Amino acid sequence: MGSNKQMACNPYRATNDLQQLHKLYQDFFGFPVTRTTTKEEWSPIVDIYETDNELVLQSELPGMTEADFKLSSENNVLTLVGERKFTDQEKYKVHHQERSQGSFERSFTVPATFDLGKVIASYKEGILSISVPKRVTARPRQIEVEVR
């Protein structure tokens, strides 16, 4: 007759097996096998949204100061250029690094309905916020209709 044995299910077994495999690779190669990036691959993330009166771009630039990046505009293109460096790395041996560093350049074509001549940018707590106002002619307006 059949057995009444129930198979024990361990939902963490796959995770444990994966961790053991990573440990095996680490022991064999001498370094962790994880996601890596090079200096050339780093690029800050940017969110872009539009309100009734402006186009807003927000970029995460943690660990940077205002001197580490520049913002410019030319021919309806807004460009963010900079470099993130980690200081004092020559003083210690890095075992594992997931934070990226290096030079970057991001460019965004801005529709002609926005006025790049009136850009306002601010930097607070690692977030660069850029506001590009809509041209007055591009903003919606109410037109009063006369009854005759």
N, C-alpha and C. Protein backbone atom coordinates (compact mmCIF):
# COMPACT_ATOMS: atom_id res chain seq x y z
N MET A 1 0.82 -1.18 0.00
CA MET A 1 0.00 0.00 0.00
C MET A 1 0.87 1.25 0.00
N GLY A 2 0.22 2.38 -0.30
CA GLY A 2 0.94 3.64 -0.40
C GLY A 2 1.43 4.13 0.95
N SER A 3 2.40 4.97 0.90
CA SER A 3 2.99 5.54 2.10
C SER A 3 2.30 6.85 2.44
N ASN A 4 2.16 7.12 3.72
CA ASN A 4 1.57 8.37 4.18
C ASN A 4 2.61 9.44 4.44
N LYS A 5 3.81 9.22 3.99
CA LYS A 5 4.87 10.20 4.23
C LYS A 5 4.56 11.48 3.47
N GLN A 6 4.72 12.59 4.13
CA GLN A 6 4.57 13.89 3.46
C GLN A 6 5.96 14.46 3.20
N MET A 7 6.11 15.01 2.03
CA MET A 7 7.38 15.60 1.67
C MET A 7 7.49 16.98 2.31
N ALA A 8 8.56 17.21 3.01
CA ALA A 8 8.78 18.52 3.61
C ALA A 8 9.16 19.53 2.53
N CYS A 9 8.50 20.67 2.56
CA CYS A 9 8.78 21.71 1.57
C CYS A 9 9.49 22.86 2.26
N ASN A 10 10.65 23.20 1.75
CA ASN A 10 11.41 24.30 2.31
C ASN A 10 11.49 25.40 1.26
N PRO A 11 10.71 26.49 1.42
CA PRO A 11 10.71 27.55 0.41
C PRO A 11 12.04 28.28 0.28
N TYR A 12 12.92 28.12 1.27
CA TYR A 12 14.21 28.81 1.23
C TYR A 12 15.32 27.96 0.62
N ARG A 13 15.00 26.72 0.25
CA ARG A 13 16.03 25.83 -0.27
C ARG A 13 16.65 26.39 -1.55
N ALA A 14 15.84 26.91 -2.47
CA ALA A 14 16.39 27.45 -3.71
C ALA A 14 17.33 28.61 -3.42
N THR A 15 16.93 29.45 -2.47
CA THR A 15 17.79 30.57 -2.09
C THR A 15 19.08 30.06 -1.49
N ASN A 16 18.98 29.06 -0.60
CA ASN A 16 20.18 28.49 0.01
C ASN A 16 21.08 27.86 -1.04
N ASP A 17 20.48 27.14 -2.01
CA ASP A 17 21.27 26.53 -3.07
C ASP A 17 21.99 27.59 -3.89
N LEU A 18 21.31 28.68 -4.19
CA LEU A 18 21.90 29.76 -4.96
C LEU A 18 23.04 30.41 -4.18
N GLN A 19 22.83 30.59 -2.88
CA GLN A 19 23.88 31.17 -2.05
C GLN A 19 25.10 30.25 -2.00
N GLN A 20 24.86 28.94 -1.94
CA GLN A 20 25.96 27.99 -1.93
C GLN A 20 26.71 28.02 -3.26
N LEU A 21 25.98 28.16 -4.37
CA LEU A 21 26.61 28.24 -5.68
C LEU A 21 27.47 29.51 -5.78
N HIS A 22 26.93 30.63 -5.30
CA HIS A 22 27.71 31.88 -5.29
C HIS A 22 28.96 31.72 -4.44
N LYS A 23 28.82 31.06 -3.28
CA LYS A 23 29.97 30.83 -2.41
C LYS A 23 31.00 29.95 -3.10
N LEU A 24 30.55 28.93 -3.80
CA LEU A 24 31.46 28.05 -4.54
C LEU A 24 32.25 28.84 -5.59
N TYR A 25 31.55 29.68 -6.37
CA TYR A 25 32.22 30.52 -7.35
C TYR A 25 33.20 31.48 -6.68
N GLN A 26 32.76 32.08 -5.56
CA GLN A 26 33.62 33.02 -4.85
C GLN A 26 34.88 32.33 -4.36
N ASP A 27 34.73 31.13 -3.80
CA ASP A 27 35.90 30.39 -3.31
C ASP A 27 36.83 30.02 -4.46
N PHE A 28 36.26 29.65 -5.61
CA PHE A 28 37.06 29.23 -6.74
C PHE A 28 37.78 30.39 -7.41
N PHE A 29 37.02 31.48 -7.71
CA PHE A 29 37.59 32.61 -8.43
C PHE A 29 38.26 33.64 -7.53
N GLY A 30 37.92 33.62 -6.25
CA GLY A 30 38.53 34.56 -5.32
C GLY A 30 37.81 35.89 -5.22
N PHE A 31 36.67 36.02 -5.88
CA PHE A 31 35.88 37.24 -5.78
C PHE A 31 34.41 36.88 -5.97
N PRO A 32 33.50 37.71 -5.43
CA PRO A 32 32.07 37.41 -5.55
C PRO A 32 31.61 37.49 -7.00
N VAL A 33 30.68 36.65 -7.37
CA VAL A 33 30.08 36.68 -8.71
C VAL A 33 28.76 37.41 -8.58
N THR A 34 28.79 38.70 -8.90
CA THR A 34 27.60 39.54 -8.79
C THR A 34 27.60 40.51 -9.94
N ARG A 35 26.58 41.34 -9.99
CA ARG A 35 26.48 42.37 -11.02
C ARG A 35 27.66 43.31 -10.88
N THR A 36 28.30 43.62 -11.98
CA THR A 36 29.40 44.57 -11.94
C THR A 36 29.15 45.65 -12.97
N THR A 37 29.68 46.82 -12.70
CA THR A 37 29.61 47.91 -13.67
C THR A 37 30.99 48.51 -13.78
N THR A 38 31.27 49.10 -14.89
CA THR A 38 32.53 49.79 -15.06
C THR A 38 32.26 51.28 -15.01
N LYS A 39 33.32 52.05 -14.97
CA LYS A 39 33.18 53.49 -14.93
C LYS A 39 32.40 53.99 -16.14
N GLU A 40 32.62 53.38 -17.29
CA GLU A 40 31.98 53.84 -18.51
C GLU A 40 30.47 53.57 -18.54
N GLU A 41 30.00 52.63 -17.73
CA GLU A 41 28.59 52.25 -17.76
C GLU A 41 27.71 53.11 -16.87
N TRP A 42 28.27 53.90 -15.98
CA TRP A 42 27.45 54.61 -15.02
C TRP A 42 26.74 55.79 -15.65
N SER A 43 25.47 55.91 -15.33
CA SER A 43 24.67 57.03 -15.79
C SER A 43 23.57 57.27 -14.76
N PRO A 44 23.44 58.49 -14.28
CA PRO A 44 22.41 58.74 -13.26
C PRO A 44 21.01 58.59 -13.85
N ILE A 45 20.10 58.12 -13.02
CA ILE A 45 18.72 57.95 -13.47
C ILE A 45 18.00 59.30 -13.46
N VAL A 46 17.03 59.45 -14.35
CA VAL A 46 16.30 60.71 -14.48
C VAL A 46 14.82 60.41 -14.65
N ASP A 47 14.00 61.11 -13.90
CA ASP A 47 12.55 61.07 -14.09
C ASP A 47 12.14 62.37 -14.77
N ILE A 48 11.21 62.28 -15.72
CA ILE A 48 10.73 63.46 -16.43
C ILE A 48 9.21 63.46 -16.39
N TYR A 49 8.64 64.58 -15.99
CA TYR A 49 7.18 64.69 -16.01
C TYR A 49 6.79 66.12 -16.36
N GLU A 50 5.54 66.26 -16.78
CA GLU A 50 5.03 67.57 -17.22
C GLU A 50 3.82 67.95 -16.39
N THR A 51 3.78 69.22 -15.98
CA THR A 51 2.61 69.76 -15.31
C THR A 51 1.94 70.74 -16.29
N ASP A 52 0.93 71.44 -15.83
CA ASP A 52 0.27 72.43 -16.68
C ASP A 52 1.20 73.57 -17.08
N ASN A 53 2.21 73.86 -16.23
CA ASN A 53 3.05 75.03 -16.46
C ASN A 53 4.52 74.75 -16.74
N GLU A 54 4.96 73.50 -16.59
CA GLU A 54 6.39 73.25 -16.72
C GLU A 54 6.71 71.79 -17.05
N LEU A 55 7.95 71.60 -17.48
CA LEU A 55 8.53 70.28 -17.66
C LEU A 55 9.52 70.12 -16.52
N VAL A 56 9.47 69.00 -15.80
CA VAL A 56 10.34 68.79 -14.65
C VAL A 56 11.20 67.55 -14.88
N LEU A 57 12.48 67.70 -14.65
CA LEU A 57 13.42 66.59 -14.71
C LEU A 57 14.05 66.46 -13.34
N GLN A 58 14.10 65.25 -12.81
CA GLN A 58 14.74 65.02 -11.51
C GLN A 58 15.74 63.89 -11.68
N SER A 59 16.95 64.15 -11.22
CA SER A 59 18.02 63.17 -11.35
C SER A 59 18.65 62.87 -10.00
N GLU A 60 18.93 61.58 -9.76
CA GLU A 60 19.60 61.19 -8.54
C GLU A 60 21.11 61.27 -8.74
N LEU A 61 21.75 62.10 -7.92
CA LEU A 61 23.20 62.29 -7.98
C LEU A 61 23.78 62.18 -6.57
N PRO A 62 23.58 61.02 -5.90
CA PRO A 62 24.03 60.90 -4.51
C PRO A 62 25.55 60.96 -4.39
N GLY A 63 25.98 61.58 -3.32
CA GLY A 63 27.41 61.67 -3.05
C GLY A 63 28.14 62.70 -3.87
N MET A 64 27.41 63.50 -4.62
CA MET A 64 28.03 64.52 -5.47
C MET A 64 27.73 65.91 -4.91
N THR A 65 28.57 66.86 -5.29
CA THR A 65 28.33 68.26 -4.95
C THR A 65 28.01 69.00 -6.24
N GLU A 66 27.59 70.24 -6.10
CA GLU A 66 27.25 71.05 -7.28
C GLU A 66 28.46 71.22 -8.21
N ALA A 67 29.66 71.14 -7.67
CA ALA A 67 30.88 71.29 -8.47
C ALA A 67 31.16 70.04 -9.33
N ASP A 68 30.49 68.92 -9.04
CA ASP A 68 30.74 67.67 -9.75
C ASP A 68 29.96 67.53 -11.05
N PHE A 69 29.03 68.44 -11.32
CA PHE A 69 28.24 68.34 -12.55
C PHE A 69 27.92 69.72 -13.10
N LYS A 70 27.60 69.75 -14.38
CA LYS A 70 27.23 70.99 -15.07
C LYS A 70 25.96 70.74 -15.87
N LEU A 71 25.14 71.76 -15.97
CA LEU A 71 23.90 71.71 -16.73
C LEU A 71 23.97 72.79 -17.80
N SER A 72 23.66 72.42 -19.05
CA SER A 72 23.70 73.41 -20.13
C SER A 72 22.56 73.15 -21.11
N SER A 73 22.28 74.13 -21.96
CA SER A 73 21.26 73.96 -22.99
C SER A 73 21.73 74.59 -24.29
N GLU A 74 21.37 73.95 -25.40
CA GLU A 74 21.69 74.46 -26.72
C GLU A 74 20.75 73.80 -27.72
N ASN A 75 20.12 74.63 -28.57
CA ASN A 75 19.23 74.12 -29.62
C ASN A 75 18.18 73.15 -29.11
N ASN A 76 17.47 73.54 -28.06
CA ASN A 76 16.40 72.72 -27.46
C ASN A 76 16.88 71.40 -26.87
N VAL A 77 18.18 71.31 -26.55
CA VAL A 77 18.72 70.12 -25.90
C VAL A 77 19.29 70.53 -24.55
N LEU A 78 18.82 69.87 -23.50
CA LEU A 78 19.30 70.09 -22.14
C LEU A 78 20.31 68.99 -21.85
N THR A 79 21.51 69.36 -21.40
CA THR A 79 22.57 68.37 -21.19
C THR A 79 23.11 68.45 -19.76
N LEU A 80 23.22 67.29 -19.14
CA LEU A 80 23.77 67.14 -17.80
C LEU A 80 25.07 66.35 -17.94
N VAL A 81 26.19 66.95 -17.52
CA VAL A 81 27.50 66.32 -17.62
C VAL A 81 28.15 66.35 -16.24
N GLY A 82 28.83 65.27 -15.87
CA GLY A 82 29.52 65.28 -14.58
C GLY A 82 30.36 64.06 -14.37
N GLU A 83 30.88 63.98 -13.15
CA GLU A 83 31.69 62.82 -12.77
C GLU A 83 31.53 62.58 -11.28
N ARG A 84 31.30 61.30 -10.96
CA ARG A 84 31.23 60.90 -9.55
C ARG A 84 32.48 60.10 -9.24
N LYS A 85 33.22 60.54 -8.21
CA LYS A 85 34.44 59.87 -7.79
C LYS A 85 34.32 59.50 -6.32
N PHE A 86 34.87 58.35 -6.00
CA PHE A 86 34.95 57.97 -4.59
C PHE A 86 36.36 58.29 -4.14
N THR A 87 36.45 59.10 -3.10
CA THR A 87 37.77 59.56 -2.64
C THR A 87 38.44 58.52 -1.77
N ASP A 88 39.72 58.64 -1.68
CA ASP A 88 40.55 57.83 -0.77
C ASP A 88 40.55 56.33 -1.07
N GLN A 89 40.16 55.91 -2.29
CA GLN A 89 40.15 54.47 -2.58
C GLN A 89 41.56 53.89 -2.65
N GLU A 90 42.55 54.73 -2.88
CA GLU A 90 43.91 54.22 -2.93
C GLU A 90 44.42 53.86 -1.53
N LYS A 91 43.69 54.27 -0.51
CA LYS A 91 44.10 54.00 0.87
C LYS A 91 43.62 52.64 1.39
N TYR A 92 42.79 51.96 0.61
CA TYR A 92 42.26 50.68 1.08
C TYR A 92 42.02 49.75 -0.10
N LYS A 93 41.84 48.48 0.21
CA LYS A 93 41.58 47.46 -0.81
C LYS A 93 40.07 47.22 -0.88
N VAL A 94 39.51 47.39 -2.05
CA VAL A 94 38.07 47.19 -2.23
C VAL A 94 37.80 45.70 -2.42
N HIS A 95 36.91 45.14 -1.61
CA HIS A 95 36.53 43.73 -1.73
C HIS A 95 35.30 43.56 -2.60
N HIS A 96 34.40 44.51 -2.52
CA HIS A 96 33.15 44.43 -3.30
C HIS A 96 32.61 45.84 -3.44
N GLN A 97 32.22 46.21 -4.66
CA GLN A 97 31.69 47.56 -4.88
C GLN A 97 30.51 47.48 -5.82
N GLU A 98 29.36 47.96 -5.37
CA GLU A 98 28.16 48.00 -6.21
C GLU A 98 27.83 49.41 -6.64
N ARG A 99 28.28 50.41 -5.90
CA ARG A 99 28.04 51.80 -6.29
C ARG A 99 28.93 52.12 -7.47
N SER A 100 28.36 52.78 -8.44
CA SER A 100 29.10 53.11 -9.65
C SER A 100 29.71 54.49 -9.56
N GLN A 101 30.77 54.68 -10.33
CA GLN A 101 31.43 55.98 -10.39
C GLN A 101 31.94 56.22 -11.80
N GLY A 102 32.37 57.43 -12.04
CA GLY A 102 32.93 57.76 -13.34
C GLY A 102 32.21 58.94 -13.98
N SER A 103 32.61 59.23 -15.22
CA SER A 103 32.02 60.34 -15.97
C SER A 103 30.70 59.92 -16.58
N PHE A 104 29.84 60.91 -16.80
CA PHE A 104 28.55 60.64 -17.44
C PHE A 104 28.12 61.86 -18.24
N GLU A 105 27.22 61.62 -19.18
CA GLU A 105 26.59 62.70 -19.94
C GLU A 105 25.19 62.23 -20.32
N ARG A 106 24.20 63.04 -19.96
CA ARG A 106 22.81 62.76 -20.32
C ARG A 106 22.27 63.97 -21.07
N SER A 107 21.62 63.74 -22.22
CA SER A 107 21.04 64.83 -23.01
C SER A 107 19.56 64.55 -23.25
N PHE A 108 18.76 65.61 -23.22
CA PHE A 108 17.31 65.50 -23.37
C PHE A 108 16.83 66.57 -24.34
N THR A 109 16.14 66.14 -25.38
CA THR A 109 15.55 67.09 -26.31
C THR A 109 14.26 67.61 -25.69
N VAL A 110 14.17 68.93 -25.59
CA VAL A 110 13.03 69.57 -24.96
C VAL A 110 12.15 70.16 -26.07
N PRO A 111 10.83 69.86 -26.06
CA PRO A 111 9.95 70.42 -27.09
C PRO A 111 10.00 71.95 -27.10
N ALA A 112 9.77 72.52 -28.26
CA ALA A 112 9.83 73.98 -28.44
C ALA A 112 8.78 74.72 -27.61
N THR A 113 7.79 74.02 -27.09
CA THR A 113 6.76 74.66 -26.26
C THR A 113 7.29 75.05 -24.88
N PHE A 114 8.53 74.66 -24.57
CA PHE A 114 9.15 75.00 -23.28
C PHE A 114 10.28 75.99 -23.50
N ASP A 115 10.50 76.86 -22.52
CA ASP A 115 11.47 77.94 -22.64
C ASP A 115 12.75 77.61 -21.88
N LEU A 116 13.76 77.11 -22.62
CA LEU A 116 15.04 76.77 -21.99
C LEU A 116 15.79 77.99 -21.49
N GLY A 117 15.39 79.18 -21.91
CA GLY A 117 16.01 80.41 -21.43
C GLY A 117 15.62 80.74 -20.00
N LYS A 118 14.63 80.05 -19.47
CA LYS A 118 14.14 80.35 -18.12
C LYS A 118 14.21 79.12 -17.20
N VAL A 119 15.19 78.26 -17.43
CA VAL A 119 15.36 77.05 -16.62
C VAL A 119 15.72 77.42 -15.19
N ILE A 120 15.14 76.70 -14.25
CA ILE A 120 15.48 76.84 -12.83
C ILE A 120 15.94 75.47 -12.36
N ALA A 121 17.13 75.41 -11.75
CA ALA A 121 17.67 74.14 -11.26
C ALA A 121 18.05 74.29 -9.79
N SER A 122 17.77 73.23 -9.02
CA SER A 122 18.17 73.22 -7.61
C SER A 122 18.68 71.82 -7.27
N TYR A 123 19.55 71.77 -6.25
CA TYR A 123 20.15 70.50 -5.84
C TYR A 123 20.05 70.38 -4.33
N LYS A 124 19.36 69.32 -3.89
CA LYS A 124 19.15 69.14 -2.46
C LYS A 124 19.12 67.65 -2.15
N GLU A 125 19.93 67.25 -1.15
CA GLU A 125 19.97 65.87 -0.66
C GLU A 125 20.17 64.85 -1.78
N GLY A 126 21.05 65.17 -2.73
CA GLY A 126 21.39 64.23 -3.79
C GLY A 126 20.44 64.20 -4.97
N ILE A 127 19.44 65.08 -4.98
CA ILE A 127 18.47 65.14 -6.07
C ILE A 127 18.60 66.47 -6.79
N LEU A 128 18.88 66.39 -8.11
CA LEU A 128 18.90 67.59 -8.94
C LEU A 128 17.51 67.74 -9.55
N SER A 129 16.87 68.87 -9.30
CA SER A 129 15.55 69.17 -9.85
C SER A 129 15.69 70.30 -10.86
N ILE A 130 15.18 70.06 -12.07
CA ILE A 130 15.26 71.03 -13.15
C ILE A 130 13.84 71.35 -13.60
N SER A 131 13.51 72.61 -13.62
CA SER A 131 12.18 73.06 -14.04
C SER A 131 12.32 73.91 -15.30
N VAL A 132 11.63 73.49 -16.35
CA VAL A 132 11.63 74.25 -17.61
C VAL A 132 10.21 74.74 -17.84
N PRO A 133 9.97 76.06 -17.70
CA PRO A 133 8.60 76.56 -17.83
C PRO A 133 8.08 76.48 -19.26
N LYS A 134 6.76 76.31 -19.37
CA LYS A 134 6.12 76.35 -20.69
C LYS A 134 6.13 77.79 -21.17
N ARG A 135 6.26 77.94 -22.47
CA ARG A 135 6.13 79.29 -23.03
C ARG A 135 4.70 79.75 -22.82
N VAL A 136 4.50 81.02 -22.60
CA VAL A 136 3.17 81.56 -22.35
C VAL A 136 2.22 81.20 -23.48
N THR A 137 2.71 81.24 -24.71
CA THR A 137 1.85 80.91 -25.87
C THR A 137 1.44 79.44 -25.88
N ALA A 138 2.18 78.59 -25.18
CA ALA A 138 1.87 77.16 -25.18
C ALA A 138 0.95 76.75 -24.04
N ARG A 139 0.72 77.65 -23.11
CA ARG A 139 -0.13 77.32 -21.96
C ARG A 139 -1.60 77.41 -22.35
N PRO A 140 -2.40 76.50 -21.83
CA PRO A 140 -3.83 76.58 -22.13
C PRO A 140 -4.43 77.83 -21.50
N ARG A 141 -5.37 78.43 -22.19
CA ARG A 141 -6.04 79.61 -21.64
C ARG A 141 -7.51 79.56 -22.02
N GLN A 142 -8.28 80.20 -21.21
CA GLN A 142 -9.72 80.29 -21.47
C GLN A 142 -9.98 81.46 -22.40
N ILE A 143 -10.86 81.26 -23.37
CA ILE A 143 -11.25 82.34 -24.27
C ILE A 143 -12.71 82.62 -24.03
N GLU A 144 -12.97 83.86 -23.69
CA GLU A 144 -14.36 84.26 -23.42
C GLU A 144 -15.06 84.52 -24.74
N VAL A 145 -16.23 83.97 -24.86
CA VAL A 145 -17.03 84.13 -26.09
C VAL A 145 -18.13 85.16 -25.80
N GLU A 146 -18.19 86.17 -26.66
CA GLU A 146 -19.22 87.19 -26.53
C GLU A 146 -20.49 86.73 -27.25
N VAL A 147 -21.61 87.00 -26.65
CA VAL A 147 -22.89 86.69 -27.29
C VAL A 147 -23.40 87.96 -27.91
N ARG A 148 -23.77 87.91 -29.21
CA ARG A 148 -24.23 89.12 -29.91
C ARG A 148 -25.66 88.96 -30.30
